[in-house]
Amino acid sequence: MVEIPQTRYVAVDHADVAYQVVGEGPIDLLYFYGLGNHIDLSWDLPGSAEFHERLASFSRLIMFDRRGTGASDAVAAGAIPTWEEWTDDILGVLDEVGSKRATILAAVDAGPIAILFTVMHPERVSGLILLNTLARSLRAEDYPIGRTPEDLDSFIEYLGANWGTPGVVLAADPSLADDPETLSKLTRQIRAAATPRTAKAQFHYMFHNLDVRDVLPLIQAPTLVLHVRDSPVVPLDHGRYLANHIHGARLIELSGADTAITINNRQIAEEVGEFVTGERPVLDVERILTTVLFTDIVASTQRAAALGDERWRSVLDTHDRAVRDQLKRFRGREVNTTGDGFVASFDGPARAIRCAQSILEAAGRLGMELRAGLHTGECVVRGNDLGGVAVHIAARVGALADPGQVLVSGTVKDLVVGSGIEFRDQGEKELKGVPGIWKIFAVD
């Protein structure tokens, strides 16, 4: 896993702009997000941390917070930089780290800043990647996909009144309703990034004054547009407009409705890697910290014998659909199946526990009993498979569970303190083939 880099500062127009550098290249990739980002706290979000690590695996990754958000200097409501002045933040960071030429990845309201910089400094930009962003916000006769002034003002009022609350996060990333762990961390991050008053002032300035349509034909750098299909904040039509008005740009539509990279981070990193290097990044062996879930059907052999092959296959198909529905809901990744069970991985242990509970509940509605076991540890990734001691521990913990029970290792319990999940101590156990004595807990 990549070590969290040191945050440094560069002076731009009498303000300090915070930046980080991680990875060794050979290609420079400058990545920055919009208002609400915080380069220090983003490493606490599993999806963001994984995203940074993937980008740094094929580039020298340069990240920064523009003035007015995150770890950089705040800006007064009456002294918000112009879009053009914000491009100075990019120039200052690139000069400070000695980058002569870089590919720029910009998300949401960072997109227009990157567009302007690319046109103003074409010699410094080798490629441009625009993620869930737009060229204009307000509707116009020649831009019918924008918001009406009334709708835009209502949206900005909502953001100002609810900034720093889960409601604002869910407005941009609706799938986090099923992930309270990430929702809580992301909510804390945007509170740390800006206050409600300054956030509202920045949004009002940005969206009422945003229009970079005239410079789109001037972009000379190869351009990739990435956009989720169902975003409630930045509809897909905005991404399509960018791709249609930037010469040679390619549009890739991403699944889902979430604006934040915490959700689609793997696919985005793969698309960025292919665009930057010319080859889709493939890591034959990768070590990650993940939560592994094992499930299996109780007394499956006896049930199969009683039902016969054909009826048992039908039961298994129904079971598999139910499990996959819950994995999708809680953003679990199916690793493989074990005939009468599943192995899945999660980037958050609390979400893994809630998924296990939902799987057992769904199976109960089908008249089936399942058991589940979870452990968090370092795993080796080979293609779509997981290996390592952590996988074996999760399997052994699951084997100890009673019908309808979710058991976790002490590691998992310790990681979800404060989540509201309660446990019953099951004592210390020996796990077959695993050294040591392990504390086991049942999820209430």
Protein backbone atom coordinates (compact mmCIF):
# COMPACT_ATOMS: atom_id res chain seq x y z
CA MET A 1 0.00 0.00 0.00
CA VAL A 2 1.19 3.54 -0.80
CA GLU A 3 2.45 5.58 2.15
CA ILE A 4 0.38 8.73 2.69
CA PRO A 5 2.49 11.58 1.29
CA GLN A 6 3.47 14.73 3.15
CA THR A 7 1.33 17.79 2.47
CA ARG A 8 3.39 20.75 1.30
CA TYR A 9 2.53 24.31 0.32
CA VAL A 10 3.32 26.73 -2.49
CA ALA A 11 2.55 30.46 -2.37
CA VAL A 12 0.18 31.65 -5.09
CA ASP A 13 -1.01 35.29 -5.05
CA HIS A 14 -0.23 35.70 -1.32
CA ALA A 15 -2.07 32.47 -0.45
CA ASP A 16 -0.82 28.98 0.39
CA VAL A 17 -1.93 26.16 -1.90
CA ALA A 18 -1.62 22.67 -0.44
CA TYR A 19 -0.31 19.82 -2.58
CA GLN A 20 0.96 16.24 -2.35
CA VAL A 21 3.16 14.11 -4.60
CA VAL A 22 3.06 10.31 -4.60
CA GLY A 23 4.46 7.76 -7.05
CA GLU A 24 7.51 7.87 -9.27
CA GLY A 25 6.17 8.30 -12.79
CA PRO A 26 7.40 8.23 -15.49
CA ILE A 27 4.35 10.33 -16.42
CA ASP A 28 3.17 13.34 -14.42
CA LEU A 29 -0.55 13.23 -13.62
CA LEU A 30 -2.08 16.28 -11.93
CA TYR A 31 -5.36 15.49 -10.17
CA PHE A 32 -7.65 17.91 -8.38
CA TYR A 33 -11.27 17.84 -7.27
CA GLY A 34 -13.84 20.57 -6.69
CA LEU A 35 -15.14 22.37 -3.63
CA GLY A 36 -15.39 20.05 -0.64
CA ASN A 37 -12.19 18.15 -1.30
CA HIS A 38 -9.45 17.92 1.33
CA ILE A 39 -6.25 16.18 0.26
CA ASP A 40 -5.37 15.15 3.82
CA LEU A 41 -8.77 13.74 4.78
CA SER A 42 -9.37 12.09 1.40
CA TRP A 43 -6.89 9.38 2.43
CA ASP A 44 -9.33 8.36 5.20
CA LEU A 45 -11.92 7.38 2.59
CA PRO A 46 -11.21 3.80 1.42
CA GLY A 47 -12.41 4.49 -2.12
CA SER A 48 -10.35 7.68 -2.44
CA ALA A 49 -7.24 6.12 -0.96
CA GLU A 50 -7.52 3.16 -3.33
CA PHE A 51 -8.02 5.57 -6.24
CA HIS A 52 -4.89 7.55 -5.35
CA GLU A 53 -2.86 4.36 -5.03
CA ARG A 54 -3.99 3.10 -8.42
CA LEU A 55 -3.14 6.39 -10.12
CA ALA A 56 0.27 6.48 -8.42
CA SER A 57 1.00 2.95 -9.66
CA PHE A 58 1.55 4.25 -13.21
CA SER A 59 2.34 7.95 -12.70
CA ARG A 60 3.89 10.58 -10.53
CA LEU A 61 0.62 11.70 -9.01
CA ILE A 62 0.39 15.39 -8.09
CA MET A 63 -2.68 16.38 -6.08
CA PHE A 64 -3.72 19.75 -4.71
CA ASP A 65 -6.61 21.71 -3.22
CA ARG A 66 -7.34 24.95 -5.03
CA ARG A 67 -7.66 28.12 -2.99
CA GLY A 68 -10.95 28.12 -1.10
CA THR A 69 -11.18 24.43 -0.26
CA GLY A 70 -9.51 21.73 1.79
CA ALA A 71 -6.01 22.18 3.15
CA SER A 72 -5.36 25.34 1.09
CA ASP A 73 -6.01 28.89 2.25
CA ALA A 74 -9.66 29.86 2.57
CA VAL A 75 -11.05 32.75 0.51
CA ALA A 76 -13.35 35.47 1.76
CA ALA A 77 -16.90 35.51 0.40
CA GLY A 78 -16.23 38.91 -1.16
CA ALA A 79 -12.83 38.03 -2.62
CA ILE A 80 -13.36 34.79 -4.51
CA PRO A 81 -10.74 34.24 -7.25
CA THR A 82 -11.92 34.29 -10.85
CA TRP A 83 -11.86 31.11 -12.94
CA GLU A 84 -8.72 32.42 -14.66
CA GLU A 85 -7.04 33.26 -11.35
CA TRP A 86 -7.68 29.71 -10.15
CA THR A 87 -5.57 28.48 -13.08
CA ASP A 88 -2.62 30.11 -11.31
CA ASP A 89 -2.98 27.44 -8.62
CA ILE A 90 -2.28 24.77 -11.23
CA LEU A 91 0.71 26.66 -12.61
CA GLY A 92 2.12 27.28 -9.15
CA VAL A 93 1.91 23.63 -8.16
CA LEU A 94 3.39 22.34 -11.43
CA ASP A 95 6.29 24.79 -11.19
CA GLU A 96 6.89 23.93 -7.53
CA VAL A 97 7.22 20.19 -8.21
CA GLY A 98 9.28 20.72 -11.37
CA SER A 99 6.70 19.35 -13.79
CA LYS A 100 7.24 20.65 -17.32
CA ARG A 101 4.32 18.79 -18.87
CA ALA A 102 1.49 16.82 -17.28
CA THR A 103 -1.81 15.14 -17.96
CA ILE A 104 -4.57 16.86 -15.98
CA LEU A 105 -7.46 14.99 -14.36
CA ALA A 106 -10.11 17.40 -13.06
CA ALA A 107 -13.46 16.56 -11.47
CA VAL A 108 -16.75 18.47 -11.06
CA ASP A 109 -16.18 22.24 -10.62
CA ALA A 110 -12.43 21.76 -11.09
CA GLY A 111 -13.14 20.88 -14.73
CA PRO A 112 -13.59 24.44 -16.06
CA ILE A 113 -10.35 25.52 -14.33
CA ALA A 114 -8.50 22.68 -16.07
CA ILE A 115 -10.11 23.58 -19.41
CA LEU A 116 -8.96 27.19 -19.15
CA PHE A 117 -5.44 26.18 -18.08
CA THR A 118 -5.17 23.75 -21.01
CA VAL A 119 -6.01 26.54 -23.44
CA MET A 120 -3.84 29.17 -21.73
CA HIS A 121 -0.79 26.86 -21.31
CA PRO A 122 -0.98 24.23 -24.06
CA GLU A 123 2.76 23.57 -23.80
CA ARG A 124 2.29 22.32 -20.20
CA VAL A 125 -0.57 19.89 -20.87
CA SER A 126 -0.03 16.51 -22.52
CA GLY A 127 -3.60 15.31 -21.95
CA LEU A 128 -6.89 16.39 -20.37
CA ILE A 129 -9.34 14.16 -18.50
CA LEU A 130 -12.67 15.68 -17.44
CA LEU A 131 -14.71 13.80 -14.83
CA ASN A 132 -18.38 14.58 -14.14
CA THR A 133 -17.97 18.23 -15.11
CA LEU A 134 -19.57 20.85 -17.36
CA ALA A 135 -18.90 23.86 -19.58
CA ARG A 136 -21.82 25.98 -18.39
CA SER A 137 -24.39 25.76 -15.62
CA LEU A 138 -27.18 28.17 -16.62
CA ARG A 139 -29.68 27.39 -19.34
CA ALA A 140 -29.46 29.47 -22.51
CA GLU A 141 -31.16 29.46 -25.89
CA ASP A 142 -28.14 27.65 -27.31
CA TYR A 143 -27.62 25.60 -24.12
CA PRO A 144 -30.99 24.04 -23.20
CA ILE A 145 -29.41 21.41 -20.94
CA GLY A 146 -28.53 23.99 -18.24
CA ARG A 147 -30.55 24.93 -15.16
CA THR A 148 -32.97 27.82 -15.10
CA PRO A 149 -31.86 30.79 -12.94
CA GLU A 150 -34.60 29.94 -10.44
CA ASP A 151 -33.59 26.29 -10.27
CA LEU A 152 -29.92 27.20 -9.91
CA ASP A 153 -30.60 29.67 -7.10
CA SER A 154 -32.77 27.12 -5.31
CA PHE A 155 -29.99 24.53 -5.64
CA ILE A 156 -27.36 26.94 -4.27
CA GLU A 157 -29.65 27.89 -1.36
CA TYR A 158 -30.04 24.21 -0.55
CA LEU A 159 -26.26 23.70 -0.61
CA GLY A 160 -25.70 26.69 1.66
CA ALA A 161 -28.36 25.66 4.14
CA ASN A 162 -27.28 22.02 4.30
CA TRP A 163 -23.52 22.17 3.71
CA GLY A 164 -21.72 19.74 5.96
CA THR A 165 -24.73 17.46 6.43
CA PRO A 166 -25.35 13.96 5.06
CA GLY A 167 -28.14 15.37 2.88
CA VAL A 168 -25.70 17.31 0.68
CA VAL A 169 -23.47 14.26 0.26
CA LEU A 170 -26.43 12.04 -0.64
CA ALA A 171 -27.62 14.61 -3.19
CA ALA A 172 -24.39 14.04 -5.10
CA ASP A 173 -23.76 10.39 -4.16
CA PRO A 174 -27.12 8.66 -3.56
CA SER A 175 -25.66 5.15 -3.21
CA LEU A 176 -23.99 6.17 0.06
CA ALA A 177 -27.38 5.78 1.72
CA ASP A 178 -26.34 2.12 2.02
CA ASP A 179 -22.84 3.00 3.28
CA PRO A 180 -23.11 5.00 6.52
CA GLU A 181 -19.41 4.58 7.22
CA THR A 182 -18.25 6.38 4.06
CA LEU A 183 -21.17 8.82 4.29
CA SER A 184 -20.03 9.93 7.73
CA LYS A 185 -16.39 10.35 6.68
CA LEU A 186 -17.28 12.26 3.51
CA THR A 187 -19.61 14.54 5.46
CA ARG A 188 -16.82 15.36 7.90
CA GLN A 189 -14.47 16.03 4.98
CA ILE A 190 -16.67 18.67 3.34
CA ARG A 191 -17.17 20.38 6.73
CA ALA A 192 -13.40 20.59 7.07
CA ALA A 193 -13.02 21.81 3.48
CA ALA A 194 -15.19 24.93 3.75
CA THR A 195 -17.83 26.59 5.91
CA PRO A 196 -21.47 26.83 4.74
CA ARG A 197 -21.20 30.58 4.13
CA THR A 198 -18.07 30.41 1.99
CA ALA A 199 -19.30 27.30 0.18
CA LYS A 200 -22.52 29.06 -0.77
CA ALA A 201 -20.63 32.16 -1.92
CA GLN A 202 -18.26 30.10 -4.05
CA PHE A 203 -21.03 28.06 -5.63
CA HIS A 204 -22.98 31.24 -6.42
CA TYR A 205 -19.97 32.82 -8.09
CA MET A 206 -18.89 29.70 -9.94
CA PHE A 207 -22.20 28.57 -11.36
CA HIS A 208 -23.56 32.01 -12.24
CA ASN A 209 -20.32 32.98 -14.00
CA LEU A 210 -19.41 29.64 -15.54
CA ASP A 211 -19.21 29.50 -19.32
CA VAL A 212 -16.14 28.03 -21.02
CA ARG A 213 -17.94 26.95 -24.19
CA ASP A 214 -16.09 29.42 -26.41
CA VAL A 215 -12.67 27.97 -25.55
CA LEU A 216 -13.54 24.29 -26.07
CA PRO A 217 -12.53 24.35 -29.78
CA LEU A 218 -9.13 25.75 -28.74
CA ILE A 219 -8.16 22.66 -26.72
CA GLN A 220 -5.23 20.99 -28.46
CA ALA A 221 -4.47 18.24 -25.95
CA PRO A 222 -5.97 14.75 -26.34
CA THR A 223 -9.10 14.74 -24.18
CA LEU A 224 -11.06 12.03 -22.37
CA VAL A 225 -14.49 12.78 -20.90
CA LEU A 226 -15.70 10.46 -18.12
CA HIS A 227 -19.26 10.90 -16.87
CA VAL A 228 -21.71 8.84 -14.83
CA ARG A 229 -24.99 8.16 -16.59
CA ASP A 230 -27.46 9.09 -13.88
CA SER A 231 -25.92 11.96 -11.91
CA PRO A 232 -28.62 14.12 -10.25
CA VAL A 233 -26.14 17.00 -9.90
CA VAL A 234 -24.31 17.06 -13.25
CA PRO A 235 -26.50 15.27 -15.82
CA LEU A 236 -24.84 13.21 -18.53
CA ASP A 237 -25.84 15.71 -21.24
CA HIS A 238 -23.15 18.06 -19.91
CA GLY A 239 -20.48 15.42 -20.49
CA ARG A 240 -21.84 14.70 -23.95
CA TYR A 241 -21.68 18.41 -24.77
CA LEU A 242 -18.01 18.57 -23.79
CA ALA A 243 -17.14 15.52 -25.87
CA ASN A 244 -19.02 16.88 -28.88
CA HIS A 245 -17.34 20.30 -28.76
CA ILE A 246 -13.71 19.31 -28.01
CA HIS A 247 -11.96 18.11 -31.15
CA GLY A 248 -11.13 14.42 -30.99
CA ALA A 249 -12.48 13.99 -27.46
CA ARG A 250 -13.68 10.57 -26.40
CA LEU A 251 -16.63 10.08 -24.04
CA ILE A 252 -16.92 7.10 -21.70
CA GLU A 253 -20.21 6.75 -19.85
CA LEU A 254 -19.81 5.26 -16.38
CA SER A 255 -22.51 3.31 -14.60
CA GLY A 256 -24.33 4.72 -11.58
CA ALA A 257 -25.41 8.11 -10.26
CA ASP A 258 -22.58 9.01 -7.86
CA THR A 259 -20.47 12.08 -8.54
CA ALA A 260 -17.64 11.25 -6.11
CA ILE A 261 -14.75 9.00 -7.18
CA THR A 262 -15.20 6.91 -4.03
CA ILE A 263 -17.78 4.85 -5.93
CA ASN A 264 -16.46 4.15 -9.45
CA ASN A 265 -12.80 4.51 -8.53
CA ARG A 266 -11.55 1.24 -10.05
CA GLN A 267 -13.12 1.77 -13.46
CA ILE A 268 -12.07 5.42 -13.51
CA ALA A 269 -8.48 4.52 -12.60
CA GLU A 270 -8.38 1.91 -15.36
CA GLU A 271 -9.70 4.36 -17.96
CA VAL A 272 -7.26 7.05 -16.80
CA GLY A 273 -4.38 4.56 -16.86
CA GLU A 274 -5.15 3.47 -20.40
CA PHE A 275 -5.48 7.07 -21.58
CA VAL A 276 -2.22 8.15 -19.94
CA THR A 277 -0.02 5.14 -20.72
CA GLY A 278 -1.67 3.71 -23.82
CA GLU A 279 -2.21 0.40 -22.04
CA ARG A 280 -4.83 -0.67 -19.53
CA PRO A 281 -3.01 -1.06 -16.21
CA VAL A 282 -2.92 -4.65 -14.99
CA LEU A 283 -1.28 -5.58 -11.72
CA ASP A 284 -0.50 -9.30 -11.57
CA VAL A 285 0.08 -9.18 -7.84
CA GLU A 286 -1.26 -6.45 -5.60
CA ARG A 287 -1.61 -6.31 -1.84
CA ILE A 288 -4.62 -4.52 -0.42
CA LEU A 289 -6.30 -4.18 2.95
CA THR A 290 -9.84 -5.47 2.57
CA THR A 291 -12.70 -7.08 4.46
CA VAL A 292 -13.45 -10.62 3.30
CA LEU A 293 -16.92 -12.14 3.65
CA PHE A 294 -17.67 -15.87 3.46
CA THR A 295 -21.26 -17.15 3.30
CA ASP A 296 -22.60 -20.66 2.90
CA ILE A 297 -25.93 -22.45 3.01
CA VAL A 298 -26.54 -24.48 6.15
CA ALA A 299 -27.01 -28.24 5.54
CA SER A 300 -26.69 -27.79 1.80
CA THR A 301 -25.72 -31.43 1.14
CA GLN A 302 -28.82 -32.75 2.91
CA ARG A 303 -31.08 -30.25 1.13
CA ALA A 304 -29.62 -31.13 -2.25
CA ALA A 305 -30.20 -34.85 -1.62
CA ALA A 306 -33.79 -34.21 -0.50
CA LEU A 307 -34.71 -31.93 -3.42
CA GLY A 308 -32.92 -33.65 -6.29
CA ASP A 309 -30.52 -32.09 -8.76
CA GLU A 310 -32.98 -30.07 -10.84
CA ARG A 311 -34.86 -28.47 -7.94
CA TRP A 312 -31.61 -27.85 -6.08
CA ARG A 313 -30.15 -26.00 -9.07
CA SER A 314 -33.25 -23.79 -9.09
CA VAL A 315 -32.81 -23.09 -5.37
CA LEU A 316 -29.14 -22.21 -5.88
CA ASP A 317 -30.00 -19.85 -8.75
CA THR A 318 -32.49 -18.01 -6.54
CA HIS A 319 -29.95 -17.88 -3.72
CA ASP A 320 -27.24 -16.54 -6.02
CA ARG A 321 -29.47 -13.75 -7.33
CA ALA A 322 -30.40 -12.72 -3.79
CA VAL A 323 -26.76 -12.60 -2.67
CA ARG A 324 -25.64 -10.64 -5.73
CA ASP A 325 -28.44 -8.13 -5.21
CA GLN A 326 -27.13 -7.41 -1.72
CA LEU A 327 -23.50 -7.28 -2.86
CA LYS A 328 -24.48 -4.68 -5.44
CA ARG A 329 -26.45 -2.71 -2.84
CA PHE A 330 -23.51 -2.56 -0.42
CA ARG A 331 -20.76 -2.23 -3.06
CA GLY A 332 -19.25 -5.63 -2.34
CA ARG A 333 -17.08 -7.30 -4.96
CA GLU A 334 -17.83 -10.93 -5.73
CA VAL A 335 -14.55 -12.82 -5.62
CA ASN A 336 -15.87 -16.32 -6.35
CA THR A 337 -18.52 -18.85 -5.39
CA THR A 338 -18.03 -22.04 -3.43
CA GLY A 339 -20.93 -24.04 -4.83
CA ASP A 340 -23.26 -23.26 -1.94
CA GLY A 341 -21.74 -19.97 -0.81
CA PHE A 342 -19.96 -16.77 -1.78
CA VAL A 343 -16.64 -15.09 -1.16
CA ALA A 344 -16.77 -11.29 -1.43
CA SER A 345 -14.59 -8.33 -0.51
CA PHE A 346 -15.41 -4.85 0.76
CA ASP A 347 -13.44 -1.63 1.24
CA GLY A 348 -15.31 -0.94 4.48
CA PRO A 349 -15.89 -3.43 7.34
CA ALA A 350 -19.13 -1.81 8.58
CA ARG A 351 -20.63 -2.06 5.11
CA ALA A 352 -19.49 -5.69 4.90
CA ILE A 353 -21.27 -6.51 8.16
CA ARG A 354 -24.49 -4.85 7.04
CA CYS A 355 -24.28 -6.69 3.74
CA ALA A 356 -23.87 -10.02 5.55
CA GLN A 357 -26.93 -9.27 7.68
CA SER A 358 -28.97 -8.37 4.60
CA ILE A 359 -27.87 -11.54 2.82
CA LEU A 360 -29.00 -13.69 5.74
CA GLU A 361 -32.31 -11.81 5.91
CA ALA A 362 -32.88 -12.21 2.16
CA ALA A 363 -32.09 -15.92 2.41
CA GLY A 364 -34.53 -16.26 5.32
CA ARG A 365 -37.30 -14.83 3.18
CA LEU A 366 -36.54 -17.60 0.69
CA GLY A 367 -36.80 -20.24 3.41
CA MET A 368 -33.05 -20.80 3.56
CA GLU A 369 -30.57 -20.60 6.43
CA LEU A 370 -27.09 -19.18 5.86
CA ARG A 371 -24.08 -18.49 8.05
CA ALA A 372 -21.44 -15.81 7.49
CA GLY A 373 -17.93 -14.96 8.64
CA LEU A 374 -15.81 -11.83 8.18
CA HIS A 375 -12.21 -10.80 8.70
CA THR A 376 -10.24 -7.70 7.70
CA GLY A 377 -6.64 -8.14 6.66
CA GLU A 378 -4.08 -7.79 3.90
CA CYS A 379 -4.83 -9.88 0.81
CA VAL A 380 -2.96 -10.65 -2.37
CA VAL A 381 -4.93 -9.75 -5.52
CA ARG A 382 -4.35 -11.87 -8.61
CA GLY A 383 -6.76 -10.88 -11.35
CA ASN A 384 -10.24 -11.21 -9.84
CA ASP A 385 -9.15 -13.57 -7.08
CA LEU A 386 -7.97 -12.94 -3.53
CA GLY A 387 -5.37 -14.90 -1.62
CA GLY A 388 -3.50 -14.75 1.64
CA VAL A 389 -3.99 -15.67 5.28
CA ALA A 390 -6.82 -13.15 5.70
CA VAL A 391 -8.98 -15.15 3.30
CA HIS A 392 -8.41 -18.35 5.27
CA ILE A 393 -9.22 -16.60 8.54
CA ALA A 394 -12.55 -15.32 7.17
CA ALA A 395 -13.41 -18.85 6.00
CA ARG A 396 -12.57 -20.37 9.38
CA VAL A 397 -14.59 -17.69 11.23
CA GLY A 398 -17.56 -18.42 8.99
CA ALA A 399 -17.31 -22.13 9.67
CA LEU A 400 -17.81 -21.45 13.40
CA ALA A 401 -21.10 -19.59 12.86
CA ASP A 402 -24.46 -21.07 13.79
CA PRO A 403 -27.36 -21.02 11.28
CA GLY A 404 -28.49 -17.43 10.76
CA GLN A 405 -25.42 -16.00 12.52
CA VAL A 406 -22.78 -13.50 11.43
CA LEU A 407 -19.40 -13.95 13.14
CA VAL A 408 -16.48 -11.55 12.87
CA SER A 409 -12.88 -11.56 14.01
CA GLY A 410 -11.73 -9.17 16.72
CA THR A 411 -10.01 -7.14 14.00
CA VAL A 412 -13.33 -6.36 12.33
CA LYS A 413 -14.97 -5.47 15.64
CA ASP A 414 -12.20 -3.02 16.52
CA LEU A 415 -12.44 -1.30 13.11
CA VAL A 416 -16.15 -0.49 13.38
CA VAL A 417 -16.14 1.16 16.81
CA GLY A 418 -18.64 4.01 16.71
CA SER A 419 -20.65 2.56 13.83
CA GLY A 420 -23.59 1.56 16.04
CA ILE A 421 -23.09 -2.14 15.33
CA GLU A 422 -23.26 -4.24 18.48
CA PHE A 423 -21.55 -7.55 19.20
CA ARG A 424 -21.65 -10.48 21.61
CA ASP A 425 -18.34 -11.92 22.74
CA GLN A 426 -17.97 -15.55 21.63
CA GLY A 427 -14.68 -16.07 23.41
CA GLU A 428 -11.27 -17.07 22.06
CA LYS A 429 -11.07 -19.76 19.40
CA GLU A 430 -8.49 -21.76 17.54
CA LEU A 431 -8.90 -21.52 13.79
CA LYS A 432 -7.95 -24.62 11.83
CA GLY A 433 -4.68 -24.12 9.98
CA VAL A 434 -4.22 -20.55 11.33
CA PRO A 435 -1.62 -19.90 14.06
CA GLY A 436 -2.63 -18.31 17.35
CA ILE A 437 -5.81 -17.80 19.33
CA TRP A 438 -8.49 -15.53 17.86
CA LYS A 439 -11.20 -13.47 19.55
CA ILE A 440 -14.55 -14.06 17.84
CA PHE A 441 -17.67 -11.91 18.10
CA ALA A 442 -21.25 -12.41 16.94
CA VAL A 443 -23.13 -9.52 15.36
CA ASP A 444 -26.32 -8.70 17.28
